[in-house]
Every structure is written in structure tokens, then in C-alpha cells.
PDB file of N, CA and C in Angstrom:
ATOM      1  N   UNK A   1     158.668  66.074  70.505  1.00  0.00           N
ATOM      2  CA  UNK A   1     157.963  67.150  69.851  1.00  0.00           C
ATOM      3  C   UNK A   1     157.453  68.106  70.926  1.00  0.00           C
ATOM      4  N   UNK A   2     157.744  69.374  70.740  1.00  0.00           N
ATOM      5  CA  UNK A   2     157.324  70.366  71.729  1.00  0.00           C
ATOM      6  C   UNK A   2     155.824  70.620  71.618  1.00  0.00           C
ATOM      7  N   UNK A   3     155.298  71.210  72.660  1.00  0.00           N
ATOM      8  CA  UNK A   3     153.875  71.505  72.685  1.00  0.00           C
ATOM      9  C   UNK A   3     153.506  72.498  71.579  1.00  0.00           C
ATOM     10  N   UNK A   4     154.339  73.503  71.366  1.00  0.00           N
ATOM     11  CA  UNK A   4     154.047  74.493  70.324  1.00  0.00           C
ATOM     12  C   UNK A   4     154.115  73.856  68.934  1.00  0.00           C
ATOM     13  N   UNK A   5     155.062  72.930  68.726  1.00  0.00           N
ATOM     14  CA  UNK A   5     155.147  72.226  67.440  1.00  0.00           C
ATOM     15  C   UNK A   5     153.915  71.373  67.210  1.00  0.00           C
ATOM     16  N   UNK A   6     153.442  70.751  68.269  1.00  0.00           N
ATOM     17  CA  UNK A   6     152.241  69.921  68.153  1.00  0.00           C
ATOM     18  C   UNK A   6     151.034  70.779  67.779  1.00  0.00           C
ATOM     19  N   UNK A   7     150.912  71.962  68.412  1.00  0.00           N
ATOM     20  CA  UNK A   7     149.803  72.854  68.081  1.00  0.00           C
ATOM     21  C   UNK A   7     149.913  73.358  66.642  1.00  0.00           C
ATOM     22  N   UNK A   8     151.126  73.660  66.201  1.00  0.00           N
ATOM     23  CA  UNK A   8     151.331  74.113  64.828  1.00  0.00           C
ATOM     24  C   UNK A   8     150.922  73.019  63.848  1.00  0.00           C
ATOM     25  N   UNK A   9     151.324  71.787  64.123  1.00  0.00           N
ATOM     26  CA  UNK A   9     150.968  70.668  63.259  1.00  0.00           C
ATOM     27  C   UNK A   9     149.455  70.477  63.236  1.00  0.00           C
ATOM     28  N   UNK A  10     148.828  70.565  64.409  1.00  0.00           N
ATOM     29  CA  UNK A  10     147.369  70.414  64.501  1.00  0.00           C
ATOM     30  C   UNK A  10     146.662  71.487  63.664  1.00  0.00           C
ATOM     31  N   UNK A  11     147.156  72.718  63.747  1.00  0.00           N
ATOM     32  CA  UNK A  11     146.550  73.805  62.984  1.00  0.00           C
ATOM     33  C   UNK A  11     146.712  73.589  61.481  1.00  0.00           C
ATOM     34  N   UNK A  12     147.859  73.082  61.057  1.00  0.00           N
ATOM     35  CA  UNK A  12     148.072  72.786  59.636  1.00  0.00           C
ATOM     36  C   UNK A  12     147.118  71.699  59.171  1.00  0.00           C
ATOM     37  N   UNK A  13     146.929  70.681  59.992  1.00  0.00           N
ATOM     38  CA  UNK A  13     146.009  69.604  59.644  1.00  0.00           C
ATOM     39  C   UNK A  13     144.577  70.122  59.554  1.00  0.00           C
ATOM     40  N   UNK A  14     144.192  70.977  60.486  1.00  0.00           N
ATOM     41  CA  UNK A  14     142.842  71.536  60.476  1.00  0.00           C
ATOM     42  C   UNK A  14     142.614  72.380  59.222  1.00  0.00           C
ATOM     43  N   UNK A  15     143.616  73.139  58.838  1.00  0.00           N
ATOM     44  CA  UNK A  15     143.514  73.965  57.638  1.00  0.00           C
ATOM     45  C   UNK A  15     143.353  73.095  56.393  1.00  0.00           C
ATOM     46  N   UNK A  16     144.136  72.058  56.302  1.00  0.00           N
ATOM     47  CA  UNK A  16     144.052  71.146  55.159  1.00  0.00           C
ATOM     48  C   UNK A  16     142.685  70.455  55.120  1.00  0.00           C
ATOM     49  N   UNK A  17     142.201  70.012  56.256  1.00  0.00           N
ATOM     50  CA  UNK A  17     140.888  69.360  56.323  1.00  0.00           C
ATOM     51  C   UNK A  17     139.779  70.332  55.905  1.00  0.00           C
ATOM     52  N   UNK A  18     139.897  71.581  56.302  1.00  0.00           N
ATOM     53  CA  UNK A  18     138.898  72.583  55.943  1.00  0.00           C
ATOM     54  C   UNK A  18     138.891  72.824  54.434  1.00  0.00           C
ATOM     55  N   UNK A  19     140.073  72.881  53.833  1.00  0.00           N
ATOM     56  CA  UNK A  19     140.147  73.050  52.369  1.00  0.00           C
ATOM     57  C   UNK A  19     139.511  71.863  51.654  1.00  0.00           C
ATOM     58  N   UNK A  20     139.784  70.656  52.154  1.00  0.00           N
ATOM     59  CA  UNK A  20     139.193  69.464  51.536  1.00  0.00           C
ATOM     60  C   UNK A  20     137.674  69.473  51.690  1.00  0.00           C
ATOM     61  N   UNK A  21     137.200  69.895  52.846  1.00  0.00           N
ATOM     62  CA  UNK A  21     135.765  69.971  53.086  1.00  0.00           C
ATOM     63  C   UNK A  21     135.108  70.950  52.113  1.00  0.00           C
ATOM     64  N   UNK A  22     135.742  72.109  51.893  1.00  0.00           N
ATOM     65  CA  UNK A  22     135.210  73.092  50.943  1.00  0.00           C
ATOM     66  C   UNK A  22     135.163  72.515  49.538  1.00  0.00           C
ATOM     67  N   UNK A  23     136.184  71.757  49.176  1.00  0.00           N
ATOM     68  CA  UNK A  23     136.207  71.137  47.849  1.00  0.00           C
ATOM     69  C   UNK A  23     135.082  70.118  47.702  1.00  0.00           C
ATOM     70  N   UNK A  24     134.866  69.313  48.721  1.00  0.00           N
ATOM     71  CA  UNK A  24     133.820  68.291  48.667  1.00  0.00           C
ATOM     72  C   UNK A  24     132.442  68.938  48.564  1.00  0.00           C
ATOM     73  N   UNK A  25     132.245  70.042  49.304  1.00  0.00           N
ATOM     74  CA  UNK A  25     130.954  70.723  49.289  1.00  0.00           C
ATOM     75  C   UNK A  25     130.717  71.479  47.985  1.00  0.00           C
ATOM     76  N   UNK A  26     131.784  71.979  47.385  1.00  0.00           N
ATOM     77  CA  UNK A  26     131.653  72.795  46.181  1.00  0.00           C
ATOM     78  C   UNK A  26     132.795  72.462  45.227  1.00  0.00           C
ATOM     79  N   UNK A  27     132.740  71.286  44.590  1.00  0.00           N
ATOM     80  CA  UNK A  27     133.855  70.883  43.738  1.00  0.00           C
ATOM     81  C   UNK A  27     134.037  71.827  42.547  1.00  0.00           C
ATOM     82  N   UNK A  28     135.283  72.106  42.284  1.00  0.00           N
ATOM     83  CA  UNK A  28     135.627  72.958  41.153  1.00  0.00           C
ATOM     84  C   UNK A  28     137.137  73.030  41.038  1.00  0.00           C
ATOM     85  N   UNK A  29     137.593  73.508  39.914  1.00  0.00           N
ATOM     86  CA  UNK A  29     139.041  73.568  39.690  1.00  0.00           C
ATOM     87  C   UNK A  29     139.749  74.453  40.694  1.00  0.00           C
ATOM     88  N   UNK A  30     139.127  75.567  41.054  1.00  0.00           N
ATOM     89  CA  UNK A  30     139.757  76.495  41.995  1.00  0.00           C
ATOM     90  C   UNK A  30     139.975  75.840  43.360  1.00  0.00           C
ATOM     91  N   UNK A  31     138.949  75.160  43.867  1.00  0.00           N
ATOM     92  CA  UNK A  31     139.064  74.487  45.159  1.00  0.00           C
ATOM     93  C   UNK A  31     140.048  73.327  45.078  1.00  0.00           C
ATOM     94  N   UNK A  32     140.020  72.591  43.973  1.00  0.00           N
ATOM     95  CA  UNK A  32     140.947  71.472  43.804  1.00  0.00           C
ATOM     96  C   UNK A  32     142.391  71.967  43.798  1.00  0.00           C
ATOM     97  N   UNK A  33     142.648  73.025  43.070  1.00  0.00           N
ATOM     98  CA  UNK A  33     143.997  73.579  43.018  1.00  0.00           C
ATOM     99  C   UNK A  33     144.458  74.055  44.389  1.00  0.00           C
ATOM    100  N   UNK A  34     143.547  74.632  45.179  1.00  0.00           N
ATOM    101  CA  UNK A  34     143.895  75.085  46.525  1.00  0.00           C
ATOM    102  C   UNK A  34     144.276  73.905  47.420  1.00  0.00           C
ATOM    103  N   UNK A  35     143.513  72.815  47.331  1.00  0.00           N
ATOM    104  CA  UNK A  35     143.811  71.620  48.126  1.00  0.00           C
ATOM    105  C   UNK A  35     145.155  71.030  47.723  1.00  0.00           C
ATOM    106  N   UNK A  36     145.372  70.877  46.432  1.00  0.00           N
ATOM    107  CA  UNK A  36     146.616  70.285  45.943  1.00  0.00           C
ATOM    108  C   UNK A  36     147.815  71.154  46.317  1.00  0.00           C
ATOM    109  N   UNK A  37     147.672  72.465  46.197  1.00  0.00           N
ATOM    110  CA  UNK A  37     148.772  73.371  46.555  1.00  0.00           C
ATOM    111  C   UNK A  37     149.118  73.255  48.038  1.00  0.00           C
ATOM    112  N   UNK A  38     148.100  73.176  48.879  1.00  0.00           N
ATOM    113  CA  UNK A  38     148.358  73.054  50.315  1.00  0.00           C
ATOM    114  C   UNK A  38     148.983  71.702  50.649  1.00  0.00           C
ATOM    115  N   UNK A  39     148.543  70.655  49.991  1.00  0.00           N
ATOM    116  CA  UNK A  39     149.128  69.331  50.224  1.00  0.00           C
ATOM    117  C   UNK A  39     150.588  69.295  49.774  1.00  0.00           C
ATOM    118  N   UNK A  40     150.886  69.919  48.642  1.00  0.00           N
ATOM    119  CA  UNK A  40     152.265  69.962  48.162  1.00  0.00           C
ATOM    120  C   UNK A  40     153.155  70.765  49.107  1.00  0.00           C
ATOM    121  N   UNK A  41     152.652  71.872  49.610  1.00  0.00           N
ATOM    122  CA  UNK A  41     153.423  72.687  50.551  1.00  0.00           C
ATOM    123  C   UNK A  41     153.703  71.894  51.830  1.00  0.00           C
ATOM    124  N   UNK A  42     152.708  71.164  52.303  1.00  0.00           N
ATOM    125  CA  UNK A  42     152.873  70.352  53.505  1.00  0.00           C
ATOM    126  C   UNK A  42     153.903  69.252  53.268  1.00  0.00           C
ATOM    127  N   UNK A  43     153.806  68.586  52.115  1.00  0.00           N
ATOM    128  CA  UNK A  43     154.750  67.513  51.790  1.00  0.00           C
ATOM    129  C   UNK A  43     156.170  68.057  51.656  1.00  0.00           C
ATOM    130  N   UNK A  44     156.319  69.209  51.024  1.00  0.00           N
ATOM    131  CA  UNK A  44     157.639  69.815  50.860  1.00  0.00           C
ATOM    132  C   UNK A  44     158.241  70.173  52.215  1.00  0.00           C
ATOM    133  N   UNK A  45     157.427  70.722  53.105  1.00  0.00           N
ATOM    134  CA  UNK A  45     157.911  71.076  54.438  1.00  0.00           C
ATOM    135  C   UNK A  45     158.300  69.826  55.224  1.00  0.00           C
ATOM    136  N   UNK A  46     157.531  68.756  55.064  1.00  0.00           N
ATOM    137  CA  UNK A  46     157.849  67.502  55.760  1.00  0.00           C
ATOM    138  C   UNK A  46     159.151  66.915  55.233  1.00  0.00           C
ATOM    139  N   UNK A  47     159.341  66.945  53.916  1.00  0.00           N
ATOM    140  CA  UNK A  47     160.570  66.407  53.330  1.00  0.00           C
ATOM    141  C   UNK A  47     161.787  67.236  53.717  1.00  0.00           C
ATOM    142  N   UNK A  48     161.603  68.543  53.829  1.00  0.00           N
ATOM    143  CA  UNK A  48     162.710  69.428  54.182  1.00  0.00           C
ATOM    144  C   UNK A  48     163.019  69.387  55.680  1.00  0.00           C
ATOM    145  N   UNK A  49     162.089  68.824  56.451  1.00  0.00           N
ATOM    146  CA  UNK A  49     162.294  68.749  57.895  1.00  0.00           C
ATOM    147  C   UNK A  49     161.979  70.038  58.617  1.00  0.00           C
ATOM    148  N   UNK A  50     161.232  70.923  57.978  1.00  0.00           N
ATOM    149  CA  UNK A  50     160.919  72.206  58.611  1.00  0.00           C
ATOM    150  C   UNK A  50     159.687  72.146  59.494  1.00  0.00           C
ATOM    151  N   UNK A  51     158.975  71.024  59.475  1.00  0.00           N
ATOM    152  CA  UNK A  51     157.857  70.840  60.402  1.00  0.00           C
ATOM    153  C   UNK A  51     158.047  69.526  61.132  1.00  0.00           C
ATOM    154  N   UNK A  52     157.576  69.486  62.343  1.00  0.00           N
ATOM    155  CA  UNK A  52     157.597  68.252  63.121  1.00  0.00           C
ATOM    156  C   UNK A  52     156.277  67.537  62.896  1.00  0.00           C
ATOM    157  N   UNK A  53     156.353  66.251  62.675  1.00  0.00           N
ATOM    158  CA  UNK A  53     155.159  65.432  62.518  1.00  0.00           C
ATOM    159  C   UNK A  53     155.182  64.406  63.641  1.00  0.00           C
ATOM    160  N   UNK A  54     154.117  64.340  64.445  1.00  0.00           N
ATOM    161  CA  UNK A  54     154.125  63.394  65.566  1.00  0.00           C
ATOM    162  C   UNK A  54     154.147  61.950  65.089  1.00  0.00           C
ATOM    163  N   UNK A  55     154.733  61.104  65.895  1.00  0.00           N
ATOM    164  CA  UNK A  55     154.797  59.683  65.585  1.00  0.00           C
ATOM    165  C   UNK A  55     153.405  59.067  65.519  1.00  0.00           C
ATOM    166  N   UNK A  56     152.524  59.528  66.384  1.00  0.00           N
ATOM    167  CA  UNK A  56     151.153  59.044  66.408  1.00  0.00           C
ATOM    168  C   UNK A  56     150.265  60.157  66.953  1.00  0.00           C
ATOM    169  N   UNK A  57     148.982  60.081  66.639  1.00  0.00           N
ATOM    170  CA  UNK A  57     148.056  61.048  67.164  1.00  0.00           C
ATOM    171  C   UNK A  57     146.677  60.409  67.259  1.00  0.00           C
ATOM    172  N   UNK A  58     145.819  61.013  68.036  1.00  0.00           N
ATOM    173  CA  UNK A  58     144.461  60.529  68.210  1.00  0.00           C
ATOM    174  C   UNK A  58     143.523  61.577  67.627  1.00  0.00           C
ATOM    175  N   UNK A  59     142.648  61.137  66.753  1.00  0.00           N
ATOM    176  CA  UNK A  59     141.690  62.041  66.127  1.00  0.00           C
ATOM    177  C   UNK A  59     140.345  61.871  66.787  1.00  0.00           C
ATOM    178  N   UNK A  60     139.772  62.961  67.205  1.00  0.00           N
ATOM    179  CA  UNK A  60     138.428  62.956  67.782  1.00  0.00           C
ATOM    180  C   UNK A  60     137.517  63.660  66.820  1.00  0.00           C
ATOM    181  N   UNK A  61     136.611  62.951  66.210  1.00  0.00           N
ATOM    182  CA  UNK A  61     135.693  63.663  65.332  1.00  0.00           C
ATOM    183  C   UNK A  61     135.184  62.836  64.307  1.00  0.00           C
TER     184      UNK A  61
END
């Protein structure tokens, strides 16, 4: 996995985590739909092979 691919994956994960955080802080249908849509887009990209997913990663936080 290239360095740029790793950064792209990290940014996608951060975006998804931020959406989930917003939903937890302010639950509602709009936030839920945003989280689900982003998760589906991520899953579709992973299945299509258009994003690289690292074999392992370390989370600090």
C-alpha cells in the first residue's frame, strides 16, 4: 500500500468516525442516513477494489 493510499484511507476513516460522532451527539434520521450512506459508499468501494485497505493498522485515541 502506497503512502498516499494509506493517507486516503485514513482520511476516509476519520470522516466516517466524525459522522458517527455527530450522530451519537445528536441522534436523528438525517444523521443516521448520512452515516449509513457513507458506510455503504465505503463498502461498495472496498468490494469494487477502488480503495486500498491496509492489512493492519494501529489506532491512537
